[in-house]
Amino acid sequence: MSGSKTPPYLLTTRILKLVAEICGNLGRHAAQLEKWNTPRLRRINNIRSIHAALAIEKIPSPWNR
């Protein structure tokens, strides 16, 4: 391919401001999701640890009845 290609649009300050706003909103949304998931993941991992410890000790798990 030869030469540089120009996009079919012009980047304006308005477009750049909108992109920056979208990126900021995505970042806030991701932070909220992480805050929501952290306690849940901690609980799930704690349950798995207890389950594994019970299996090592050969104690029947109350969750597998």
C-alpha atoms as a PDB file:
ATOM      1  CA  MET A   1       0.000   0.000   0.000  1.00  0.00           C
ATOM      2  CA  SER A   2       1.272   3.389  -0.769  1.00  0.00           C
ATOM      3  CA  GLY A   3       0.623   6.805   0.741  1.00  0.00           C
ATOM      4  CA  SER A   4      -1.200   7.751   3.891  1.00  0.00           C
ATOM      5  CA  LYS A   5      -4.926   7.435   4.152  1.00  0.00           C
ATOM      6  CA  THR A   6      -7.073  10.071   5.735  1.00  0.00           C
ATOM      7  CA  PRO A   7     -10.111   9.080   7.783  1.00  0.00           C
ATOM      8  CA  PRO A   8     -13.562  10.036   6.468  1.00  0.00           C
ATOM      9  CA  TYR A   9     -14.064  12.363   9.445  1.00  0.00           C
ATOM     10  CA  LEU A  10     -12.361  15.296  11.089  1.00  0.00           C
ATOM     11  CA  LEU A  11     -11.291  15.127  14.743  1.00  0.00           C
ATOM     12  CA  THR A  12     -12.647  18.222  16.425  1.00  0.00           C
ATOM     13  CA  THR A  13     -12.312  19.441  19.991  1.00  0.00           C
ATOM     14  CA  ARG A  14     -15.944  18.478  20.570  1.00  0.00           C
ATOM     15  CA  ILE A  15     -15.262  14.882  19.502  1.00  0.00           C
ATOM     16  CA  LEU A  16     -12.182  14.722  21.736  1.00  0.00           C
ATOM     17  CA  LYS A  17     -14.170  16.103  24.705  1.00  0.00           C
ATOM     18  CA  LEU A  18     -16.897  13.504  24.136  1.00  0.00           C
ATOM     19  CA  VAL A  19     -14.330  10.696  23.957  1.00  0.00           C
ATOM     20  CA  ALA A  20     -12.732  11.932  27.190  1.00  0.00           C
ATOM     21  CA  GLU A  21     -16.165  12.041  28.872  1.00  0.00           C
ATOM     22  CA  ILE A  22     -16.956   8.493  27.724  1.00  0.00           C
ATOM     23  CA  CYS A  23     -13.588   7.236  29.012  1.00  0.00           C
ATOM     24  CA  GLY A  24     -14.200   8.911  32.365  1.00  0.00           C
ATOM     25  CA  ASN A  25     -17.649   7.346  32.643  1.00  0.00           C
ATOM     26  CA  LEU A  26     -16.247   3.911  31.778  1.00  0.00           C
ATOM     27  CA  GLY A  27     -13.567   4.296  34.444  1.00  0.00           C
ATOM     28  CA  ARG A  28     -16.128   5.226  37.107  1.00  0.00           C
ATOM     29  CA  HIS A  29     -18.337   2.318  36.057  1.00  0.00           C
ATOM     30  CA  ALA A  30     -15.405  -0.123  36.234  1.00  0.00           C
ATOM     31  CA  ALA A  31     -14.516   1.153  39.724  1.00  0.00           C
ATOM     32  CA  GLN A  32     -18.111   0.640  40.901  1.00  0.00           C
ATOM     33  CA  LEU A  33     -18.147  -2.908  39.508  1.00  0.00           C
ATOM     34  CA  GLU A  34     -14.866  -3.715  41.221  1.00  0.00           C
ATOM     35  CA  LYS A  35     -16.164  -2.329  44.513  1.00  0.00           C
ATOM     36  CA  TRP A  36     -19.307  -4.476  44.154  1.00  0.00           C
ATOM     37  CA  ASN A  37     -17.444  -7.660  43.179  1.00  0.00           C
ATOM     38  CA  THR A  38     -14.696  -7.551  45.829  1.00  0.00           C
ATOM     39  CA  PRO A  39     -16.811  -8.624  48.873  1.00  0.00           C
ATOM     40  CA  ARG A  40     -18.567 -11.250  46.780  1.00  0.00           C
ATOM     41  CA  LEU A  41     -15.295 -12.726  45.520  1.00  0.00           C
ATOM     42  CA  ARG A  42     -13.868 -12.694  49.041  1.00  0.00           C
ATOM     43  CA  ARG A  43     -16.916 -14.627  50.284  1.00  0.00           C
ATOM     44  CA  ILE A  44     -16.710 -17.165  47.441  1.00  0.00           C
ATOM     45  CA  ASN A  45     -12.980 -17.700  48.040  1.00  0.00           C
ATOM     46  CA  ASN A  46     -13.599 -18.109  51.771  1.00  0.00           C
ATOM     47  CA  ILE A  47     -16.236 -20.778  51.105  1.00  0.00           C
ATOM     48  CA  ARG A  48     -13.862 -22.585  48.727  1.00  0.00           C
ATOM     49  CA  SER A  49     -11.085 -22.498  51.341  1.00  0.00           C
ATOM     50  CA  ILE A  50     -13.374 -23.970  54.001  1.00  0.00           C
ATOM     51  CA  HIS A  51     -14.568 -26.620  51.570  1.00  0.00           C
ATOM     52  CA  ALA A  52     -10.985 -27.559  50.674  1.00  0.00           C
ATOM     53  CA  ALA A  53      -9.983 -27.732  54.340  1.00  0.00           C
ATOM     54  CA  LEU A  54     -12.926 -30.013  55.079  1.00  0.00           C
ATOM     55  CA  ALA A  55     -11.937 -32.243  52.157  1.00  0.00           C
ATOM     56  CA  ILE A  56      -8.357 -32.483  53.421  1.00  0.00           C
ATOM     57  CA  GLU A  57      -9.613 -33.479  56.874  1.00  0.00           C
ATOM     58  CA  LYS A  58     -12.078 -35.918  55.237  1.00  0.00           C
ATOM     59  CA  ILE A  59     -15.022 -34.246  56.913  1.00  0.00           C
ATOM     60  CA  PRO A  60     -18.228 -34.335  54.823  1.00  0.00           C
ATOM     61  CA  SER A  61     -19.072 -30.915  53.511  1.00  0.00           C
ATOM     62  CA  PRO A  62     -22.455 -29.543  54.569  1.00  0.00           C
ATOM     63  CA  TRP A  63     -22.873 -28.103  51.039  1.00  0.00           C
ATOM     64  CA  ASN A  64     -22.698 -31.488  49.276  1.00  0.00           C
ATOM     65  CA  ARG A  65     -25.612 -33.312  50.856  1.00  0.00           C
END
